Amino acid sequence: MLPKVTITPAAAKFINRIVRFSGLAAGAGLRLAVTPGGCSGYSSEFSAEAAPASGEQQLDVGGVRLFLGVESSLMLNGFTIDFIETATQSGLSFIDPNKEPCACSSAETAPRTGVTKIEISSIGRRRPAPVLAH
């Protein structure tokens, strides 16, 4: 079962740029892996990919193509994916409407409730193998 995910226009623009500038052919998408961890509750990695890997689901939402593993699909159900940009940082944010505020000592500097940031520097990009002429 595919998760119910909302992607804001800002996030769609950001994701589509990553895929477009990756140099991959039409039909490429963003592989998104979400795991539990960190003060905000989630840790994430993503990269532009030509197609989903074995066992991944393809989710087309908001003009964006995502490739998700089963665990990520379960974790993202009900989430909103947004792109946040401030003077000091930018990245994707995953907003969980059911997330409780962080109770750790760094709560004063933590992002707003239910938001997980992914910094632009964490983006992975794989280039297609060169075609050799014989």
N, C-alpha and C. Protein backbone atom coordinates (compact mmCIF):
# COMPACT_ATOMS: atom_id res chain seq x y z
N MET A 1 0.83 -1.18 0.00
CA MET A 1 0.00 0.00 0.00
C MET A 1 0.88 1.25 0.00
N LEU A 2 0.56 2.18 -0.89
CA LEU A 2 1.32 3.42 -0.97
C LEU A 2 0.90 4.37 0.15
N PRO A 3 1.85 5.12 0.71
CA PRO A 3 1.51 6.05 1.78
C PRO A 3 0.75 7.27 1.25
N LYS A 4 0.01 7.91 2.13
CA LYS A 4 -0.62 9.19 1.81
C LYS A 4 0.38 10.26 2.22
N VAL A 5 0.95 10.94 1.23
CA VAL A 5 1.97 11.96 1.45
C VAL A 5 1.55 13.22 0.71
N THR A 6 1.76 14.37 1.35
CA THR A 6 1.51 15.66 0.71
C THR A 6 2.87 16.30 0.43
N ILE A 7 3.03 16.82 -0.77
CA ILE A 7 4.27 17.52 -1.12
C ILE A 7 3.90 18.96 -1.47
N THR A 8 4.50 19.91 -0.76
CA THR A 8 4.22 21.32 -1.02
C THR A 8 4.83 21.73 -2.36
N PRO A 9 4.34 22.81 -2.96
CA PRO A 9 4.94 23.29 -4.22
C PRO A 9 6.43 23.59 -4.09
N ALA A 10 6.87 24.12 -2.96
CA ALA A 10 8.29 24.42 -2.77
C ALA A 10 9.12 23.14 -2.76
N ALA A 11 8.63 22.09 -2.10
CA ALA A 11 9.34 20.82 -2.07
C ALA A 11 9.35 20.18 -3.45
N ALA A 12 8.23 20.24 -4.16
CA ALA A 12 8.16 19.68 -5.52
C ALA A 12 9.18 20.35 -6.43
N LYS A 13 9.29 21.65 -6.34
CA LYS A 13 10.25 22.39 -7.17
C LYS A 13 11.68 21.95 -6.86
N PHE A 14 12.01 21.84 -5.58
CA PHE A 14 13.34 21.44 -5.14
C PHE A 14 13.66 20.02 -5.62
N ILE A 15 12.75 19.08 -5.39
CA ILE A 15 12.96 17.68 -5.77
C ILE A 15 13.09 17.54 -7.28
N ASN A 16 12.21 18.21 -8.02
CA ASN A 16 12.27 18.12 -9.48
C ASN A 16 13.57 18.70 -10.03
N ARG A 17 14.11 19.71 -9.37
CA ARG A 17 15.42 20.26 -9.79
C ARG A 17 16.54 19.25 -9.57
N ILE A 18 16.50 18.57 -8.43
CA ILE A 18 17.52 17.55 -8.15
C ILE A 18 17.50 16.49 -9.24
N VAL A 19 16.31 16.01 -9.57
CA VAL A 19 16.18 14.96 -10.58
C VAL A 19 16.59 15.48 -11.96
N ARG A 20 16.11 16.66 -12.31
CA ARG A 20 16.41 17.22 -13.64
C ARG A 20 17.91 17.46 -13.82
N PHE A 21 18.57 18.01 -12.82
CA PHE A 21 19.99 18.32 -12.93
C PHE A 21 20.89 17.10 -12.73
N SER A 22 20.31 15.95 -12.40
CA SER A 22 21.10 14.74 -12.23
C SER A 22 21.57 14.18 -13.57
N GLY A 23 20.91 14.61 -14.67
CA GLY A 23 21.28 14.11 -15.98
C GLY A 23 20.65 12.78 -16.33
N LEU A 24 19.77 12.27 -15.48
CA LEU A 24 19.11 11.00 -15.75
C LEU A 24 17.98 11.19 -16.75
N ALA A 25 17.62 10.11 -17.43
CA ALA A 25 16.57 10.15 -18.45
C ALA A 25 15.19 10.39 -17.84
N ALA A 26 14.23 10.68 -18.71
CA ALA A 26 12.85 10.87 -18.27
C ALA A 26 12.41 9.63 -17.50
N GLY A 27 11.59 9.82 -16.51
CA GLY A 27 11.12 8.72 -15.67
C GLY A 27 11.93 8.56 -14.40
N ALA A 28 13.02 9.32 -14.28
CA ALA A 28 13.84 9.27 -13.07
C ALA A 28 13.05 9.87 -11.90
N GLY A 29 13.51 9.58 -10.71
CA GLY A 29 12.84 10.10 -9.53
C GLY A 29 13.82 10.25 -8.38
N LEU A 30 13.27 10.50 -7.20
CA LEU A 30 14.07 10.70 -5.99
C LEU A 30 13.91 9.50 -5.09
N ARG A 31 15.02 8.79 -4.83
CA ARG A 31 14.99 7.70 -3.85
C ARG A 31 15.07 8.35 -2.47
N LEU A 32 14.11 8.03 -1.63
CA LEU A 32 14.04 8.61 -0.29
C LEU A 32 14.02 7.49 0.73
N ALA A 33 15.01 7.49 1.62
CA ALA A 33 15.10 6.49 2.69
C ALA A 33 14.98 7.21 4.03
N VAL A 34 13.99 6.83 4.81
CA VAL A 34 13.74 7.43 6.10
C VAL A 34 13.92 6.36 7.17
N THR A 35 14.67 6.71 8.23
CA THR A 35 14.87 5.78 9.34
C THR A 35 14.63 6.51 10.65
N PRO A 36 14.26 5.78 11.70
CA PRO A 36 14.09 6.43 13.00
C PRO A 36 15.43 6.90 13.54
N GLY A 37 15.42 8.02 14.25
CA GLY A 37 16.64 8.51 14.88
C GLY A 37 16.69 10.01 14.97
N GLY A 38 17.51 10.49 15.87
CA GLY A 38 17.70 11.93 16.03
C GLY A 38 16.64 12.55 16.93
N CYS A 39 16.90 13.76 17.35
CA CYS A 39 15.99 14.50 18.24
C CYS A 39 14.62 14.67 17.61
N SER A 40 14.58 14.92 16.31
CA SER A 40 13.30 15.15 15.64
C SER A 40 12.56 13.85 15.36
N GLY A 41 13.23 12.72 15.54
CA GLY A 41 12.57 11.44 15.37
C GLY A 41 12.89 10.71 14.09
N TYR A 42 13.48 11.40 13.09
CA TYR A 42 13.75 10.77 11.80
C TYR A 42 15.09 11.22 11.24
N SER A 43 15.70 10.31 10.49
CA SER A 43 16.91 10.60 9.76
C SER A 43 16.64 10.19 8.32
N SER A 44 17.14 10.95 7.35
CA SER A 44 16.80 10.69 5.96
C SER A 44 18.00 10.83 5.04
N GLU A 45 17.95 10.07 3.94
CA GLU A 45 18.92 10.19 2.86
C GLU A 45 18.15 10.14 1.56
N PHE A 46 18.64 10.86 0.55
CA PHE A 46 17.97 10.80 -0.75
C PHE A 46 18.96 11.01 -1.87
N SER A 47 18.57 10.49 -3.05
CA SER A 47 19.40 10.62 -4.24
C SER A 47 18.52 10.51 -5.47
N ALA A 48 18.96 11.12 -6.56
CA ALA A 48 18.27 10.99 -7.84
C ALA A 48 18.62 9.62 -8.41
N GLU A 49 17.61 8.91 -8.91
CA GLU A 49 17.79 7.56 -9.44
C GLU A 49 16.98 7.39 -10.71
N ALA A 50 17.44 6.51 -11.59
CA ALA A 50 16.76 6.28 -12.87
C ALA A 50 15.45 5.52 -12.69
N ALA A 51 15.38 4.63 -11.70
CA ALA A 51 14.20 3.79 -11.50
C ALA A 51 14.20 3.26 -10.06
N PRO A 52 13.05 2.78 -9.60
CA PRO A 52 13.04 2.20 -8.25
C PRO A 52 13.87 0.92 -8.21
N ALA A 53 14.48 0.66 -7.08
CA ALA A 53 15.23 -0.58 -6.88
C ALA A 53 14.25 -1.70 -6.57
N SER A 54 14.71 -2.91 -6.62
CA SER A 54 13.89 -4.06 -6.29
C SER A 54 13.33 -3.90 -4.88
N GLY A 55 12.04 -4.08 -4.73
CA GLY A 55 11.40 -3.96 -3.43
C GLY A 55 10.93 -2.56 -3.09
N GLU A 56 11.24 -1.58 -3.92
CA GLU A 56 10.79 -0.20 -3.67
C GLU A 56 9.46 0.05 -4.36
N GLN A 57 8.71 0.97 -3.81
CA GLN A 57 7.46 1.42 -4.41
C GLN A 57 7.69 2.76 -5.09
N GLN A 58 6.96 3.00 -6.15
CA GLN A 58 7.01 4.30 -6.83
C GLN A 58 5.76 5.07 -6.44
N LEU A 59 5.95 6.28 -5.93
CA LEU A 59 4.85 7.15 -5.54
C LEU A 59 4.94 8.43 -6.37
N ASP A 60 3.89 8.69 -7.15
CA ASP A 60 3.82 9.93 -7.93
C ASP A 60 2.81 10.83 -7.24
N VAL A 61 3.29 11.96 -6.72
CA VAL A 61 2.42 12.88 -5.99
C VAL A 61 2.92 14.31 -6.19
N GLY A 62 2.01 15.22 -6.45
CA GLY A 62 2.38 16.63 -6.58
C GLY A 62 3.37 16.91 -7.67
N GLY A 63 3.36 16.11 -8.76
CA GLY A 63 4.31 16.31 -9.84
C GLY A 63 5.70 15.78 -9.54
N VAL A 64 5.82 14.96 -8.50
CA VAL A 64 7.10 14.42 -8.06
C VAL A 64 7.03 12.90 -8.08
N ARG A 65 8.12 12.26 -8.50
CA ARG A 65 8.22 10.80 -8.47
C ARG A 65 9.19 10.42 -7.36
N LEU A 66 8.67 9.67 -6.36
CA LEU A 66 9.49 9.19 -5.25
C LEU A 66 9.63 7.68 -5.33
N PHE A 67 10.80 7.18 -4.96
CA PHE A 67 11.05 5.76 -4.84
C PHE A 67 11.26 5.48 -3.36
N LEU A 68 10.37 4.66 -2.78
CA LEU A 68 10.38 4.42 -1.34
C LEU A 68 10.46 2.94 -1.02
N GLY A 69 11.30 2.59 -0.05
CA GLY A 69 11.30 1.25 0.50
C GLY A 69 10.09 1.08 1.39
N VAL A 70 9.80 -0.15 1.76
CA VAL A 70 8.61 -0.43 2.58
C VAL A 70 8.65 0.32 3.91
N GLU A 71 9.80 0.32 4.58
CA GLU A 71 9.90 0.98 5.88
C GLU A 71 9.66 2.49 5.75
N SER A 72 10.23 3.09 4.72
CA SER A 72 10.05 4.53 4.50
C SER A 72 8.59 4.83 4.19
N SER A 73 7.95 3.97 3.41
CA SER A 73 6.53 4.17 3.08
C SER A 73 5.68 4.19 4.34
N LEU A 74 5.97 3.28 5.25
CA LEU A 74 5.20 3.21 6.50
C LEU A 74 5.44 4.44 7.37
N MET A 75 6.70 4.89 7.43
CA MET A 75 7.03 6.04 8.28
C MET A 75 6.46 7.34 7.73
N LEU A 76 6.37 7.49 6.41
CA LEU A 76 5.94 8.75 5.81
C LEU A 76 4.43 8.88 5.67
N ASN A 77 3.68 7.84 5.98
CA ASN A 77 2.24 7.90 5.82
C ASN A 77 1.65 9.04 6.65
N GLY A 78 0.95 9.95 5.98
CA GLY A 78 0.33 11.09 6.64
C GLY A 78 1.21 12.32 6.71
N PHE A 79 2.45 12.23 6.28
CA PHE A 79 3.40 13.35 6.38
C PHE A 79 3.18 14.37 5.27
N THR A 80 3.67 15.58 5.52
CA THR A 80 3.81 16.61 4.50
C THR A 80 5.30 16.84 4.31
N ILE A 81 5.73 16.82 3.05
CA ILE A 81 7.13 17.12 2.73
C ILE A 81 7.18 18.55 2.22
N ASP A 82 8.01 19.37 2.84
CA ASP A 82 8.13 20.78 2.49
C ASP A 82 9.60 21.10 2.27
N PHE A 83 9.86 22.24 1.65
CA PHE A 83 11.22 22.75 1.49
C PHE A 83 11.28 24.04 2.27
N ILE A 84 12.22 24.11 3.20
CA ILE A 84 12.39 25.28 4.05
C ILE A 84 13.71 25.95 3.70
N GLU A 85 13.68 27.27 3.54
CA GLU A 85 14.91 28.00 3.27
C GLU A 85 14.94 29.25 4.13
N THR A 86 16.02 29.38 4.90
CA THR A 86 16.23 30.56 5.73
C THR A 86 17.57 31.16 5.35
N ALA A 87 17.96 32.22 6.03
CA ALA A 87 19.24 32.87 5.74
C ALA A 87 20.43 31.97 6.07
N THR A 88 20.25 31.02 6.98
CA THR A 88 21.37 30.19 7.41
C THR A 88 21.30 28.73 7.00
N GLN A 89 20.14 28.26 6.52
CA GLN A 89 20.04 26.85 6.15
C GLN A 89 18.89 26.61 5.19
N SER A 90 18.95 25.50 4.49
CA SER A 90 17.85 25.11 3.62
C SER A 90 17.82 23.60 3.51
N GLY A 91 16.65 23.05 3.23
CA GLY A 91 16.53 21.61 3.08
C GLY A 91 15.09 21.16 3.12
N LEU A 92 14.90 19.87 2.87
CA LEU A 92 13.58 19.29 2.96
C LEU A 92 13.19 19.13 4.42
N SER A 93 11.91 19.32 4.70
CA SER A 93 11.37 19.13 6.04
C SER A 93 10.23 18.14 5.95
N PHE A 94 10.18 17.21 6.89
CA PHE A 94 9.13 16.22 6.95
C PHE A 94 8.26 16.54 8.16
N ILE A 95 7.03 16.89 7.90
CA ILE A 95 6.14 17.36 8.95
C ILE A 95 5.15 16.26 9.29
N ASP A 96 5.21 15.79 10.53
CA ASP A 96 4.32 14.76 11.03
C ASP A 96 3.26 15.45 11.88
N PRO A 97 2.00 15.44 11.44
CA PRO A 97 0.96 16.15 12.20
C PRO A 97 0.69 15.53 13.58
N ASN A 98 1.18 14.32 13.82
CA ASN A 98 0.93 13.64 15.10
C ASN A 98 2.13 13.65 16.04
N LYS A 99 3.21 14.32 15.64
CA LYS A 99 4.45 14.31 16.42
C LYS A 99 4.35 15.23 17.62
N GLU A 100 4.79 14.73 18.77
CA GLU A 100 4.83 15.53 19.99
C GLU A 100 6.11 16.37 20.02
N PRO A 101 6.10 17.49 20.73
CA PRO A 101 7.32 18.31 20.83
C PRO A 101 8.47 17.54 21.45
N CYS A 102 9.67 17.88 21.04
CA CYS A 102 10.89 17.27 21.57
C CYS A 102 11.07 17.69 23.03
N ALA A 103 11.40 16.73 23.90
CA ALA A 103 11.57 17.04 25.32
C ALA A 103 13.04 17.04 25.74
N CYS A 104 13.95 16.94 24.80
CA CYS A 104 15.37 16.90 25.16
C CYS A 104 15.88 18.30 25.49
N SER A 105 17.11 18.36 25.99
CA SER A 105 17.68 19.65 26.42
C SER A 105 17.91 20.61 25.27
N SER A 106 17.95 20.11 24.03
CA SER A 106 18.17 20.99 22.90
C SER A 106 16.86 21.47 22.29
N ALA A 107 15.75 21.28 22.99
CA ALA A 107 14.43 21.63 22.45
C ALA A 107 14.33 23.11 22.10
N GLU A 108 15.09 23.96 22.79
CA GLU A 108 15.00 25.39 22.50
C GLU A 108 15.55 25.72 21.12
N THR A 109 16.49 24.92 20.62
CA THR A 109 17.07 25.19 19.31
C THR A 109 16.59 24.20 18.25
N ALA A 110 15.73 23.26 18.65
CA ALA A 110 15.23 22.26 17.71
C ALA A 110 14.22 22.90 16.76
N PRO A 111 14.05 22.32 15.56
CA PRO A 111 13.05 22.82 14.63
C PRO A 111 11.65 22.67 15.22
N ARG A 112 10.68 23.31 14.60
CA ARG A 112 9.31 23.25 15.11
C ARG A 112 8.83 21.80 15.15
N THR A 113 7.81 21.54 15.91
CA THR A 113 7.27 20.21 16.13
C THR A 113 7.07 19.45 14.84
N GLY A 114 7.58 18.21 14.83
CA GLY A 114 7.34 17.31 13.72
C GLY A 114 8.14 17.60 12.46
N VAL A 115 9.16 18.42 12.55
CA VAL A 115 9.93 18.77 11.35
C VAL A 115 11.31 18.14 11.41
N THR A 116 11.69 17.46 10.36
CA THR A 116 13.02 16.91 10.22
C THR A 116 13.68 17.60 9.05
N LYS A 117 14.87 18.13 9.25
CA LYS A 117 15.58 18.83 8.19
C LYS A 117 16.55 17.90 7.49
N ILE A 118 16.68 18.06 6.19
CA ILE A 118 17.72 17.41 5.42
C ILE A 118 18.49 18.53 4.74
N GLU A 119 19.76 18.62 5.05
CA GLU A 119 20.58 19.67 4.47
C GLU A 119 20.92 19.35 3.01
N ILE A 120 21.08 20.38 2.21
CA ILE A 120 21.40 20.20 0.80
C ILE A 120 22.70 19.41 0.63
N SER A 121 23.63 19.56 1.54
CA SER A 121 24.91 18.87 1.43
C SER A 121 24.77 17.36 1.55
N SER A 122 23.63 16.86 2.03
CA SER A 122 23.45 15.41 2.18
C SER A 122 22.91 14.75 0.92
N ILE A 123 22.69 15.51 -0.13
CA ILE A 123 22.13 14.97 -1.36
C ILE A 123 23.17 14.10 -2.05
N GLY A 124 22.76 12.91 -2.39
CA GLY A 124 23.63 12.02 -3.15
C GLY A 124 23.19 12.05 -4.61
N ARG A 125 24.11 11.95 -5.51
CA ARG A 125 23.76 11.93 -6.92
C ARG A 125 24.65 10.92 -7.61
N ARG A 126 24.01 10.04 -8.34
CA ARG A 126 24.76 9.06 -9.10
C ARG A 126 24.67 9.41 -10.55
N ARG A 127 25.79 9.36 -11.22
CA ARG A 127 25.82 9.65 -12.65
C ARG A 127 25.72 8.33 -13.40
N PRO A 128 25.02 8.34 -14.53
CA PRO A 128 24.96 7.13 -15.33
C PRO A 128 26.35 6.77 -15.85
N ALA A 129 26.58 5.45 -16.02
CA ALA A 129 27.86 5.00 -16.54
C ALA A 129 28.06 5.51 -17.95
N PRO A 130 29.27 5.91 -18.32
CA PRO A 130 29.51 6.43 -19.68
C PRO A 130 29.31 5.31 -20.70
N VAL A 131 28.84 5.70 -21.85
CA VAL A 131 28.67 4.76 -22.97
C VAL A 131 29.93 4.83 -23.81
N LEU A 132 30.57 3.69 -23.98
CA LEU A 132 31.81 3.64 -24.73
C LEU A 132 31.52 3.21 -26.17
N ALA A 133 32.04 3.95 -27.13
CA ALA A 133 31.86 3.61 -28.53
C ALA A 133 32.94 2.62 -28.97
N HIS A 134 32.57 1.66 -29.75
CA HIS A 134 33.54 0.66 -30.23
C HIS A 134 33.84 0.89 -31.67
